[in-house]
Amino acid sequence: MPLFLLLMPPMLARDFQRDPVSADLLVRVKSLYEEGSWDTIVKLLPASRDYPADMDYYRGMALAGTHRWDEAREAFEAGQNKNRADKRFPLELAGVAFKQGRLFEARSHLRRALNLDPGDSYANDFLATLFLLDQNLEASLKYWNRIGKPFLETVTTPALLVRAAILDRAFAFSPASILRLDDLLTTRSRLNSMEIFPRYRFELVPRPDNKFDLAFRCVERNGLGNSWLEGLLSLFRGIPYQTVHPEFFNLKGSAVNWVSLVRFDAQKRRLHSSLSGPLGADPKWRYRVYVDGRKENWDVSRTSRSPALAAGDIALQSVSGGAEIQSTVNGLWRWKSGLSLTHRKFRRATPEDEIDGSLFTQGFSLKNHLRVDRQLLLVPERRLTVNSFANWELAKILAVPHDAFARVSGGLELQWHPFARGDDYTLMGRFGAGKTLGRAPFDELFNLGQERDTDLYLRGHRGTRAGKKGNSPLGRDYLLWNWEFDRVVYAHSRFDLRLGPVIDTGRVYDRFGNFGSDKWLWDAGIQARVRIQNRLTLILTIGKDLRAGREAFHFNAAR
């Protein structure tokens, strides 16, 4: 008897579907639905769990027509539970959620509907529109492109100093065409390579004729700065660490940039200057020529594992110059390759101090380098991006016959914004690994720590001691993970403050026994970023070496 009672509701539902009276009722309800007689339908179909799925659908539509959203949702959910293969229910549940302001829930229902029918025009259009409301253009295009939208009527740009022909070539799309996600990504990659737009965005504006206008909004770098104050801030942003940055962007509107650095720190002097620009006024291709001179004092007494280097002091002088070509293939791929010539001199390193005979080799070396960047994963609706990179360097020490070395490195970079809109919360991660083949000179070792001339961060390890480099882990091979999470804790029209934790872990190796680390290194800390008018970012990091218990403080200012 209990089993019979348990089976009775579905049996009654099937009888309801076969009942001629019920069939007549369904025909009448459909007729009333076409007439828009919502109140009559609601009276004919009072709340009941025994309706077939079709009756739940029409009841839900009638309740929605009278703005009784909660009851409509219950009716659609009841129908969906009875027929989960019917896409009408998640579509209508999305509409109800949208009316009630629950946009996250609306997107979830629409994704379920698209799992049932990926080509449904209404669902794709609805979901794309919701993402556009969240200013997530990439996600909008992902779904609109499935149905041949959005069609661009015009593309507008503000009055800029960069030449119109160069900017036009940077755009992979054009008016009177469909804006494709691939074209948008390619355009972003080209604009980034030009280095004259520190902040920009694209706004897609609907038109009454079901077409769209696309507006390009940007901040453009020009000359020393767009104002005397901006120029001074840029030039002297490195004064706290005895550095000035003479820079000149977008020379005569050509997207040619001159970037330089002058460091007058007595322990680590440096002069770096580079000139870059588009080849043939085409932003897809860029050239770069540079020169870099250094005069540095190193103290490796804490990081060397060789008794011959116990004294620690090493003086390095080097001058290098080179040229490279960069290509933005599309929004997924880009690469660059170049040649450089370096002359190095180790004034305080003497042969008796050496274990590895090539560690302090002096004279000229010639290097070829290649870097490839590839976007591995883009999930725009989740605001998740994973990029990969790979570097290859092959160098010949000209002073020593048949003496060559190579360095290979690569890794992954992750960025995730957990909320649908804005960048108030950001999670970033980076994994990197590198290996040296052959006997590389001292200044080609991998350097992990808080130091201005490396991007291999261990934020609890100070890169300098008494102003001298060499205080952080050095080696020929490395593994490194970096994680950071920040959130906006204060926002103002002129600046915002971001704060969050950082975690770094890694290890450095040296098979020749001169450097390296015995154990895995673990660092943790907190990082604050102040972004001023989208033009200057001040970064303060306080890290702690969890093994040794030492702290490291680091300040940087970047454009």
Protein backbone atom coordinates (compact mmCIF):
# COMPACT_ATOMS: atom_id res chain seq x y z
CA MET A 1 0.00 0.00 0.00
CA PRO A 2 2.74 2.61 0.76
CA LEU A 3 4.41 1.80 -2.57
CA PHE A 4 1.09 2.36 -4.39
CA LEU A 5 0.66 5.73 -2.68
CA LEU A 6 4.23 6.64 -3.62
CA LEU A 7 3.59 5.89 -7.29
CA MET A 8 0.16 7.51 -7.44
CA PRO A 9 1.20 11.14 -8.33
CA PRO A 10 3.10 10.24 -11.53
CA MET A 11 0.31 7.81 -12.47
CA LEU A 12 -2.23 10.59 -12.02
CA ALA A 13 -0.07 12.90 -14.12
CA ARG A 14 0.00 10.36 -16.95
CA ASP A 15 -3.75 9.86 -16.68
CA PHE A 16 -4.11 13.66 -16.80
CA GLN A 17 -2.19 13.75 -20.07
CA ARG A 18 -4.36 10.98 -21.58
CA ASP A 19 -7.63 12.41 -20.31
CA PRO A 20 -9.69 13.90 -23.22
CA VAL A 21 -11.03 16.56 -20.86
CA SER A 22 -7.45 17.52 -19.98
CA ALA A 23 -6.51 17.61 -23.65
CA ASP A 24 -9.44 19.95 -24.30
CA LEU A 25 -8.32 22.11 -21.38
CA LEU A 26 -4.82 22.34 -22.85
CA VAL A 27 -6.25 23.45 -26.21
CA ARG A 28 -8.32 26.12 -24.47
CA VAL A 29 -5.33 27.31 -22.42
CA LYS A 30 -3.24 27.64 -25.58
CA SER A 31 -5.99 29.70 -27.19
CA LEU A 32 -6.20 31.96 -24.14
CA TYR A 33 -2.41 32.28 -24.17
CA GLU A 34 -2.45 33.52 -27.75
CA GLU A 35 -5.10 36.07 -26.74
CA GLY A 36 -3.03 37.19 -23.74
CA SER A 37 -5.82 36.36 -21.26
CA TRP A 38 -3.48 35.83 -18.33
CA ASP A 39 -6.03 36.14 -15.50
CA THR A 40 -8.34 33.61 -17.12
CA ILE A 41 -5.51 31.09 -17.46
CA VAL A 42 -4.55 31.52 -13.81
CA LYS A 43 -8.16 30.87 -12.76
CA LEU A 44 -8.38 27.78 -14.99
CA LEU A 45 -5.07 26.41 -13.67
CA PRO A 46 -4.86 26.79 -9.89
CA ALA A 47 -1.67 25.67 -8.20
CA SER A 48 -1.23 21.90 -8.43
CA ARG A 49 1.68 19.44 -8.52
CA ASP A 50 -0.23 17.09 -10.82
CA TYR A 51 -0.11 19.18 -14.00
CA PRO A 52 1.88 17.92 -16.96
CA ALA A 53 4.88 20.03 -17.95
CA ASP A 54 2.96 21.91 -20.67
CA MET A 55 0.33 23.07 -18.18
CA ASP A 56 3.08 24.28 -15.82
CA TYR A 57 4.59 26.24 -18.70
CA TYR A 58 1.36 28.06 -19.61
CA ARG A 59 0.53 28.68 -15.97
CA GLY A 60 3.99 30.16 -15.44
CA MET A 61 3.64 32.37 -18.53
CA ALA A 62 0.27 33.64 -17.32
CA LEU A 63 1.64 34.42 -13.87
CA ALA A 64 4.59 36.22 -15.44
CA GLY A 65 2.17 38.19 -17.59
CA THR A 66 0.53 39.48 -14.41
CA HIS A 67 3.93 40.20 -12.79
CA ARG A 68 3.51 37.50 -10.14
CA TRP A 69 7.19 36.57 -10.44
CA ASP A 70 7.61 34.25 -7.46
CA GLU A 71 4.61 32.12 -8.42
CA ALA A 72 5.77 32.09 -12.04
CA ARG A 73 9.18 30.84 -10.97
CA GLU A 74 7.58 28.03 -8.96
CA ALA A 75 5.49 26.98 -11.96
CA PHE A 76 8.48 26.96 -14.32
CA GLU A 77 10.60 25.04 -11.81
CA ALA A 78 7.84 22.45 -11.46
CA GLY A 79 7.67 22.03 -15.23
CA GLN A 80 11.46 21.82 -15.51
CA ASN A 81 11.58 19.04 -12.93
CA LYS A 82 9.10 17.07 -15.04
CA ASN A 83 10.82 17.66 -18.37
CA ARG A 84 14.47 18.66 -18.03
CA ALA A 85 15.03 18.38 -21.79
CA ASP A 86 12.61 21.24 -22.54
CA LYS A 87 14.62 24.43 -23.08
CA ARG A 88 11.55 26.64 -22.58
CA PHE A 89 11.76 26.33 -18.80
CA PRO A 90 15.35 27.58 -18.27
CA LEU A 91 14.66 30.34 -20.80
CA GLU A 92 11.60 31.57 -18.91
CA LEU A 93 13.29 31.12 -15.55
CA ALA A 94 16.05 33.39 -16.86
CA GLY A 95 13.46 35.99 -17.79
CA VAL A 96 11.89 35.86 -14.32
CA ALA A 97 15.30 36.12 -12.64
CA PHE A 98 16.15 39.12 -14.82
CA LYS A 99 12.90 40.86 -13.87
CA GLN A 100 13.70 40.28 -10.20
CA GLY A 101 17.23 41.64 -10.59
CA ARG A 102 18.99 38.32 -10.03
CA LEU A 103 21.37 38.53 -12.98
CA PHE A 104 23.72 35.77 -11.85
CA GLU A 105 20.78 33.36 -11.65
CA ALA A 106 19.53 34.53 -15.05
CA ARG A 107 22.91 33.76 -16.63
CA SER A 108 22.92 30.30 -15.05
CA HIS A 109 19.50 29.46 -16.50
CA LEU A 110 20.53 30.72 -19.94
CA ARG A 111 23.68 28.60 -19.93
CA ARG A 112 21.55 25.57 -19.12
CA ALA A 113 19.23 26.40 -22.02
CA LEU A 114 22.24 26.66 -24.33
CA ASN A 115 23.49 23.29 -23.14
CA LEU A 116 20.20 21.92 -24.47
CA ASP A 117 20.33 23.94 -27.70
CA PRO A 118 23.63 25.81 -28.37
CA GLY A 119 22.18 27.52 -31.43
CA ASP A 120 19.11 29.04 -29.82
CA SER A 121 19.04 32.65 -31.04
CA TYR A 122 16.96 34.01 -28.17
CA ALA A 123 19.17 32.46 -25.47
CA ASN A 124 22.41 33.58 -27.11
CA ASP A 125 21.09 37.10 -27.62
CA PHE A 126 19.72 37.32 -24.08
CA LEU A 127 22.93 36.03 -22.48
CA ALA A 128 25.12 38.31 -24.59
CA THR A 129 23.00 41.29 -23.57
CA LEU A 130 23.38 40.42 -19.88
CA PHE A 131 27.16 40.28 -20.23
CA LEU A 132 27.12 43.62 -22.04
CA LEU A 133 25.25 45.12 -19.07
CA ASP A 134 28.16 43.90 -16.92
CA GLN A 135 30.62 45.58 -19.33
CA ASN A 136 32.05 42.18 -20.25
CA LEU A 137 32.44 42.69 -23.99
CA GLU A 138 34.45 39.50 -24.58
CA ALA A 139 31.71 37.31 -23.08
CA SER A 140 29.04 39.18 -25.06
CA LEU A 141 30.87 38.55 -28.32
CA LYS A 142 31.33 34.87 -27.51
CA TYR A 143 27.57 34.34 -27.55
CA TRP A 144 26.58 36.97 -30.10
CA ASN A 145 29.00 35.59 -32.66
CA ARG A 146 27.07 32.31 -32.62
CA ILE A 147 24.10 34.07 -34.20
CA GLY A 148 25.94 36.46 -36.51
CA LYS A 149 25.92 39.51 -34.23
CA PRO A 150 26.80 42.27 -33.46
CA PHE A 151 26.86 44.17 -36.74
CA LEU A 152 28.93 47.35 -36.48
CA GLU A 153 27.56 50.44 -38.16
CA THR A 154 30.34 52.79 -37.06
CA VAL A 155 33.65 52.71 -35.17
CA THR A 156 34.48 55.98 -33.42
CA THR A 157 37.72 57.14 -31.83
CA PRO A 158 38.53 60.30 -29.86
CA ALA A 159 40.85 62.96 -31.20
CA LEU A 160 44.29 61.35 -30.87
CA LEU A 161 47.82 62.37 -31.82
CA VAL A 162 48.77 58.95 -33.18
CA ARG A 163 48.40 58.82 -36.94
CA ALA A 164 45.01 57.60 -38.12
CA ALA A 165 46.59 55.10 -40.55
CA ILE A 166 48.54 53.41 -37.74
CA LEU A 167 45.51 53.19 -35.46
CA ASP A 168 43.37 51.88 -38.32
CA ARG A 169 45.87 49.07 -38.93
CA ALA A 170 45.80 48.22 -35.24
CA PHE A 171 42.05 47.57 -35.47
CA ALA A 172 41.40 44.09 -36.87
CA PHE A 173 37.73 44.97 -37.45
CA SER A 174 35.99 47.67 -39.46
CA PRO A 175 32.58 49.34 -39.79
CA ALA A 176 29.81 47.60 -41.76
CA SER A 177 30.92 44.18 -40.50
CA ILE A 178 30.35 41.76 -37.64
CA LEU A 179 32.60 42.29 -34.64
CA ARG A 180 34.27 38.95 -33.94
CA LEU A 181 35.82 37.99 -30.62
CA ASP A 182 39.02 36.89 -32.35
CA ASP A 183 39.31 40.30 -34.03
CA LEU A 184 38.80 42.10 -30.72
CA LEU A 185 41.54 40.02 -29.06
CA THR A 186 43.91 40.67 -31.97
CA THR A 187 43.19 44.39 -31.71
CA ARG A 188 43.89 44.40 -27.98
CA SER A 189 47.19 42.61 -28.52
CA ARG A 190 48.29 45.13 -31.16
CA LEU A 191 47.28 48.10 -29.01
CA ASN A 192 49.21 46.69 -26.06
CA SER A 193 52.34 46.27 -28.18
CA MET A 194 52.19 49.95 -29.21
CA GLU A 195 52.76 50.96 -25.55
CA ILE A 196 51.03 54.33 -25.95
CA PHE A 197 47.65 53.37 -24.47
CA PRO A 198 48.14 52.61 -20.75
CA ARG A 199 44.35 52.43 -20.29
CA TYR A 200 41.68 51.84 -22.90
CA ARG A 201 38.33 50.14 -23.44
CA PHE A 202 35.78 49.49 -26.14
CA GLU A 203 32.12 50.43 -25.66
CA LEU A 204 29.47 48.69 -27.73
CA VAL A 205 26.42 50.95 -28.06
CA PRO A 206 23.09 49.53 -29.36
CA ARG A 207 21.22 51.38 -32.11
CA PRO A 208 17.46 51.44 -32.79
CA ASP A 209 17.97 49.48 -36.04
CA ASN A 210 19.40 46.44 -34.16
CA LYS A 211 22.93 47.40 -35.17
CA PHE A 212 25.73 48.73 -32.98
CA ASP A 213 28.26 51.52 -32.77
CA LEU A 214 31.69 50.80 -31.28
CA ALA A 215 33.47 53.56 -29.37
CA PHE A 216 37.17 53.44 -28.49
CA ARG A 217 37.92 55.20 -25.17
CA CYS A 218 41.54 55.62 -24.15
CA VAL A 219 44.28 57.51 -22.36
CA GLU A 220 47.10 58.27 -24.80
CA ARG A 221 50.75 58.74 -23.90
CA ASN A 222 52.42 61.58 -25.76
CA GLY A 223 55.85 63.12 -25.43
CA LEU A 224 57.10 63.52 -21.88
CA GLY A 225 53.49 63.56 -20.64
CA ASN A 226 50.13 65.12 -21.37
CA SER A 227 50.84 67.81 -18.76
CA TRP A 228 53.88 69.20 -17.01
CA LEU A 229 52.82 67.49 -13.77
CA GLU A 230 52.45 64.12 -15.46
CA GLY A 231 55.86 64.58 -17.09
CA LEU A 232 57.53 65.36 -13.77
CA LEU A 233 55.85 62.42 -12.02
CA SER A 234 56.99 60.08 -14.77
CA LEU A 235 60.55 61.41 -14.87
CA PHE A 236 61.15 61.39 -11.11
CA ARG A 237 59.02 58.42 -10.06
CA GLY A 238 62.18 56.45 -9.23
CA ILE A 239 63.84 59.13 -7.11
CA PRO A 240 63.26 57.16 -3.85
CA TYR A 241 65.63 54.52 -5.23
CA GLN A 242 68.00 56.94 -7.03
CA THR A 243 66.60 56.48 -10.51
CA VAL A 244 65.15 58.79 -13.13
CA HIS A 245 63.15 57.70 -16.18
CA PRO A 246 63.54 60.01 -19.20
CA GLU A 247 60.85 58.84 -21.62
CA PHE A 248 59.24 60.15 -24.77
CA PHE A 249 56.20 58.44 -26.28
CA ASN A 250 54.48 58.59 -29.66
CA LEU A 251 57.09 60.71 -31.44
CA LYS A 252 55.25 62.90 -33.99
CA GLY A 253 52.25 60.55 -33.84
CA SER A 254 54.30 57.63 -35.18
CA ALA A 255 53.90 55.30 -32.15
CA VAL A 256 57.70 55.43 -31.83
CA ASN A 257 58.77 55.42 -28.18
CA TRP A 258 62.05 56.25 -26.48
CA VAL A 259 62.30 54.74 -22.99
CA SER A 260 65.34 55.09 -20.75
CA LEU A 261 66.50 54.61 -17.20
CA VAL A 262 69.36 56.31 -15.37
CA ARG A 263 70.29 54.89 -11.97
CA PHE A 264 72.93 56.78 -10.01
CA ASP A 265 73.09 54.44 -7.01
CA ALA A 266 76.81 54.08 -6.22
CA GLN A 267 76.48 50.30 -5.75
CA LYS A 268 74.44 49.53 -8.86
CA ARG A 269 74.73 52.18 -11.52
CA ARG A 270 72.80 51.57 -14.69
CA LEU A 271 72.04 53.33 -17.96
CA HIS A 272 69.42 51.78 -20.22
CA SER A 273 67.89 53.27 -23.35
CA SER A 274 65.67 51.77 -26.03
CA LEU A 275 63.87 52.95 -29.14
CA SER A 276 60.87 51.04 -30.51
CA GLY A 277 58.23 51.58 -33.14
CA PRO A 278 56.04 49.94 -35.79
CA LEU A 279 57.68 48.53 -38.90
CA GLY A 280 56.28 50.19 -42.01
CA ALA A 281 53.64 51.93 -39.85
CA ASP A 282 52.08 48.50 -39.21
CA PRO A 283 51.44 47.79 -35.49
CA LYS A 284 51.49 44.05 -36.20
CA TRP A 285 55.28 44.33 -36.48
CA ARG A 286 57.54 46.32 -34.15
CA TYR A 287 61.26 46.84 -33.94
CA ARG A 288 63.33 47.65 -30.87
CA VAL A 289 66.97 48.69 -30.53
CA TYR A 290 68.58 49.20 -27.16
CA VAL A 291 71.76 49.75 -25.19
CA ASP A 292 72.32 48.79 -21.55
CA GLY A 293 75.32 49.65 -19.39
CA ARG A 294 75.88 48.54 -15.80
CA LYS A 295 78.47 49.08 -13.10
CA GLU A 296 77.49 47.02 -10.08
CA ASN A 297 78.95 45.80 -6.81
CA TRP A 298 77.74 42.41 -5.63
CA ASP A 299 78.01 40.72 -2.24
CA VAL A 300 77.27 36.99 -2.48
CA SER A 301 78.63 36.04 0.95
CA ARG A 302 75.14 34.97 2.10
CA THR A 303 74.10 33.17 -1.07
CA SER A 304 77.28 31.48 -2.31
CA ARG A 305 77.92 27.86 -1.34
CA SER A 306 81.51 27.91 -2.60
CA PRO A 307 84.38 28.53 -0.15
CA ALA A 308 86.23 30.33 -2.94
CA LEU A 309 83.48 32.97 -2.98
CA ALA A 310 83.28 33.39 0.79
CA ALA A 311 84.61 36.93 0.60
CA GLY A 312 81.49 37.72 -1.39
CA ASP A 313 82.53 40.90 -3.21
CA ILE A 314 82.22 40.91 -7.00
CA ALA A 315 82.39 43.99 -9.20
CA LEU A 316 80.66 43.76 -12.57
CA GLN A 317 80.86 46.12 -15.50
CA SER A 318 78.92 45.31 -18.66
CA VAL A 319 77.74 47.03 -21.80
CA SER A 320 75.29 45.42 -24.19
CA GLY A 321 73.43 46.48 -27.27
CA GLY A 322 70.92 44.72 -29.43
CA ALA A 323 67.96 44.74 -31.76
CA GLU A 324 64.80 42.67 -31.96
CA ILE A 325 61.66 42.19 -34.03
CA GLN A 326 58.24 41.52 -32.51
CA SER A 327 55.19 40.14 -34.28
CA THR A 328 51.60 40.05 -33.07
CA VAL A 329 50.25 37.12 -35.08
CA ASN A 330 46.74 37.36 -33.64
CA GLY A 331 45.00 37.60 -30.31
CA LEU A 332 46.43 34.24 -29.22
CA TRP A 333 50.00 34.23 -30.53
CA ARG A 334 52.88 36.68 -30.49
CA TRP A 335 56.63 36.28 -30.66
CA LYS A 336 59.84 38.28 -30.70
CA SER A 337 63.41 37.48 -31.62
CA GLY A 338 66.66 39.40 -31.61
CA LEU A 339 70.45 39.56 -31.35
CA SER A 340 72.60 41.25 -28.73
CA LEU A 341 76.31 41.82 -28.20
CA THR A 342 77.64 42.12 -24.65
CA HIS A 343 81.02 43.00 -23.19
CA ARG A 344 81.51 42.15 -19.52
CA LYS A 345 84.33 42.71 -17.07
CA PHE A 346 84.72 41.39 -13.52
CA ARG A 347 87.22 43.66 -11.83
CA ARG A 348 87.40 42.02 -8.43
CA ALA A 349 87.09 38.44 -9.57
CA THR A 350 90.48 36.76 -9.96
CA PRO A 351 91.22 33.28 -11.29
CA GLU A 352 92.04 31.93 -7.84
CA ASP A 353 88.58 32.93 -6.66
CA GLU A 354 86.90 30.73 -9.23
CA ILE A 355 85.56 27.21 -9.05
CA ASP A 356 83.75 27.23 -12.37
CA GLY A 357 86.31 28.47 -14.88
CA SER A 358 83.69 30.26 -17.00
CA LEU A 359 81.80 31.94 -14.15
CA PHE A 360 83.82 35.13 -14.51
CA THR A 361 84.77 34.93 -18.17
CA GLN A 362 85.44 38.41 -19.51
CA GLY A 363 85.15 39.84 -22.99
CA PHE A 364 82.47 39.76 -25.65
CA SER A 365 79.52 37.41 -26.08
CA LEU A 366 76.91 37.20 -28.83
CA LYS A 367 73.38 36.10 -27.98
CA ASN A 368 70.26 35.18 -29.95
CA HIS A 369 66.96 35.13 -28.09
CA LEU A 370 63.43 34.04 -28.93
CA ARG A 371 60.25 34.48 -26.91
CA VAL A 372 56.81 33.06 -27.72
CA ASP A 373 53.60 34.00 -25.88
CA ARG A 374 50.40 31.98 -26.27
CA GLN A 375 47.00 32.42 -24.68
CA LEU A 376 46.03 28.94 -23.51
CA LEU A 377 42.63 29.58 -22.00
CA LEU A 378 40.04 32.33 -22.13
CA VAL A 379 36.73 31.86 -20.33
CA PRO A 380 35.24 35.35 -20.67
CA GLU A 381 32.00 34.55 -18.86
CA ARG A 382 34.09 33.46 -15.84
CA ARG A 383 36.59 36.30 -16.40
CA LEU A 384 39.43 33.79 -16.35
CA THR A 385 42.56 34.00 -18.51
CA VAL A 386 45.57 31.67 -18.65
CA ASN A 387 48.60 32.65 -20.73
CA SER A 388 51.83 30.79 -21.40
CA PHE A 389 55.30 31.97 -22.33
CA ALA A 390 58.56 30.36 -23.44
CA ASN A 391 62.05 31.85 -23.79
CA TRP A 392 65.11 30.48 -25.56
CA GLU A 393 68.54 32.12 -25.40
CA LEU A 394 71.66 30.83 -27.14
CA ALA A 395 74.94 32.67 -26.54
CA LYS A 396 78.56 32.32 -27.63
CA ILE A 397 81.47 33.56 -25.51
CA LEU A 398 83.72 35.01 -28.19
CA ALA A 399 86.79 35.15 -25.96
CA VAL A 400 86.82 31.35 -25.52
CA PRO A 401 86.71 29.04 -28.58
CA HIS A 402 83.75 26.67 -28.67
CA ASP A 403 82.38 28.07 -25.40
CA ALA A 404 78.59 28.48 -25.64
CA PHE A 405 75.67 28.32 -23.28
CA ALA A 406 71.87 28.38 -23.50
CA ARG A 407 69.03 29.33 -21.18
CA VAL A 408 65.48 28.07 -21.51
CA SER A 409 62.55 29.22 -19.41
CA GLY A 410 58.80 29.22 -19.54
CA GLY A 411 55.66 29.23 -17.51
CA LEU A 412 52.01 30.05 -17.05
CA GLU A 413 50.23 33.22 -15.93
CA LEU A 414 46.68 33.24 -14.56
CA GLN A 415 44.31 36.12 -13.91
CA TRP A 416 40.80 35.83 -12.50
CA HIS A 417 38.21 38.40 -11.52
CA PRO A 418 35.73 36.48 -9.33
CA PHE A 419 32.83 38.91 -9.74
CA ALA A 420 30.82 39.54 -12.87
CA ARG A 421 31.58 43.24 -13.04
CA GLY A 422 34.51 45.51 -12.27
CA ASP A 423 38.00 44.68 -11.05
CA ASP A 424 37.57 45.31 -7.33
CA TYR A 425 38.85 41.77 -6.68
CA THR A 426 41.69 40.18 -8.64
CA LEU A 427 43.54 36.89 -8.25
CA MET A 428 46.84 36.50 -10.11
CA GLY A 429 49.14 33.52 -10.28
CA ARG A 430 52.38 32.74 -12.07
CA PHE A 431 54.40 29.56 -12.44
CA GLY A 432 57.85 29.71 -13.98
CA ALA A 433 60.78 27.39 -14.54
CA GLY A 434 64.20 27.93 -16.07
CA LYS A 435 67.29 25.90 -16.91
CA THR A 436 70.81 26.77 -18.02
CA LEU A 437 72.69 24.53 -20.44
CA GLY A 438 76.45 24.91 -20.54
CA ARG A 439 78.63 27.24 -18.47
CA ALA A 440 77.03 30.67 -18.28
CA PRO A 441 78.83 33.71 -16.82
CA PHE A 442 77.89 35.11 -13.43
CA ASP A 443 75.54 37.84 -14.69
CA GLU A 444 73.46 35.23 -16.57
CA LEU A 445 72.43 33.39 -13.39
CA PHE A 446 68.76 33.42 -12.43
CA ASN A 447 68.13 35.82 -9.54
CA LEU A 448 65.09 35.26 -7.30
CA GLY A 449 64.03 37.92 -4.80
CA GLN A 450 62.92 41.53 -4.28
CA GLU A 451 65.21 43.30 -6.73
CA ARG A 452 64.52 45.93 -9.39
CA ASP A 453 66.33 44.15 -12.20
CA THR A 454 64.52 40.82 -11.92
CA ASP A 455 60.91 39.73 -12.37
CA LEU A 456 61.44 36.43 -10.51
CA TYR A 457 59.89 37.52 -7.23
CA LEU A 458 60.50 35.99 -3.84
CA ARG A 459 58.99 38.85 -1.90
CA GLY A 460 60.41 37.84 1.47
CA HIS A 461 64.01 37.89 0.23
CA ARG A 462 65.79 41.23 -0.08
CA GLY A 463 67.78 41.39 -3.28
CA THR A 464 70.38 43.74 -1.83
CA ARG A 465 72.48 44.08 1.30
CA ALA A 466 74.00 47.45 2.13
CA GLY A 467 72.91 48.48 -1.35
CA LYS A 468 74.80 45.66 -3.08
CA LYS A 469 73.12 42.99 -5.18
CA GLY A 470 73.54 39.28 -4.47
CA ASN A 471 71.60 38.92 -1.23
CA SER A 472 68.80 36.85 -2.81
CA PRO A 473 68.99 33.26 -4.14
CA LEU A 474 71.04 32.75 -7.32
CA GLY A 475 71.39 29.71 -9.53
CA ARG A 476 71.43 28.15 -12.97
CA ASP A 477 67.98 26.55 -12.73
CA TYR A 478 64.83 27.49 -10.85
CA LEU A 479 61.20 26.69 -10.10
CA LEU A 480 58.91 29.46 -8.86
CA TRP A 481 55.25 29.99 -7.98
CA ASN A 482 53.80 33.44 -7.27
CA TRP A 483 50.28 34.16 -6.04
CA GLU A 484 48.65 37.44 -5.14
CA PHE A 485 45.12 38.55 -4.40
CA ASP A 486 44.06 42.15 -4.08
CA ARG A 487 40.88 44.09 -3.56
CA VAL A 488 39.99 47.75 -3.77
CA VAL A 489 39.71 49.04 -0.20
CA TYR A 490 39.32 52.70 -1.14
CA ALA A 491 38.25 54.30 -4.41
CA HIS A 492 38.32 57.96 -5.38
CA SER A 493 37.89 59.73 -8.69
CA ARG A 494 41.63 60.48 -8.75
CA PHE A 495 43.11 57.34 -7.20
CA ASP A 496 42.32 53.97 -5.68
CA LEU A 497 44.01 51.80 -3.06
CA ARG A 498 44.32 48.04 -3.44
CA LEU A 499 45.46 45.72 -0.71
CA GLY A 500 45.99 41.98 -0.51
CA PRO A 501 48.20 39.02 0.44
CA VAL A 502 51.06 37.56 -1.60
CA ILE A 503 52.55 34.07 -1.43
CA ASP A 504 55.74 32.94 -3.19
CA THR A 505 57.45 29.57 -3.17
CA GLY A 506 60.31 28.19 -5.19
CA ARG A 507 63.75 26.73 -5.35
CA VAL A 508 66.96 27.55 -7.20
CA TYR A 509 69.56 25.00 -8.30
CA ASP A 510 73.22 25.03 -9.34
CA ARG A 511 74.75 21.71 -10.36
CA PHE A 512 78.26 23.19 -10.10
CA GLY A 513 77.75 23.89 -6.40
CA ASN A 514 78.51 27.61 -6.43
CA PHE A 515 74.99 28.79 -5.63
CA GLY A 516 71.48 27.34 -5.21
CA SER A 517 69.24 26.59 -2.23
CA ASP A 518 69.14 23.49 -0.03
CA LYS A 519 65.39 23.58 0.58
CA TRP A 520 62.17 24.96 -0.81
CA LEU A 521 61.79 28.64 -0.07
CA TRP A 522 58.49 30.03 1.22
CA ASP A 523 57.59 33.71 1.44
CA ALA A 524 54.38 35.46 2.44
CA GLY A 525 53.43 39.07 2.79
CA ILE A 526 51.07 41.89 2.00
CA GLN A 527 51.07 44.26 -0.95
CA ALA A 528 49.49 47.68 -1.40
CA ARG A 529 48.93 49.39 -4.75
CA VAL A 530 47.94 53.01 -5.23
CA ARG A 531 46.86 53.81 -8.78
CA ILE A 532 46.83 57.55 -9.46
CA GLN A 533 44.56 58.77 -12.27
CA ASN A 534 45.27 55.61 -14.26
CA ARG A 535 48.73 57.03 -15.02
CA LEU A 536 51.04 56.06 -12.16
CA THR A 537 51.01 53.05 -9.84
CA LEU A 538 52.85 53.01 -6.50
CA ILE A 539 53.55 49.54 -5.11
CA LEU A 540 54.63 48.77 -1.54
CA THR A 541 55.37 45.15 -0.60
CA ILE A 542 56.16 43.80 2.86
CA GLY A 543 57.29 40.17 2.70
CA LYS A 544 58.63 37.62 5.15
CA ASP A 545 60.96 34.69 4.56
CA LEU A 546 59.08 31.96 6.42
CA ARG A 547 62.17 29.78 6.83
CA ALA A 548 64.73 32.35 7.99
CA GLY A 549 62.25 34.75 9.61
CA ARG A 550 63.66 37.80 7.83
CA GLU A 551 61.51 40.59 6.41
CA ALA A 552 61.85 42.47 3.14
CA PHE A 553 60.38 45.85 2.23
CA HIS A 554 60.14 46.94 -1.38
CA PHE A 555 58.80 50.07 -3.06
CA ASN A 556 58.31 50.60 -6.77
CA ALA A 557 56.64 53.16 -9.00
CA ALA A 558 55.45 52.14 -12.46
CA ARG A 559 53.51 53.77 -15.28
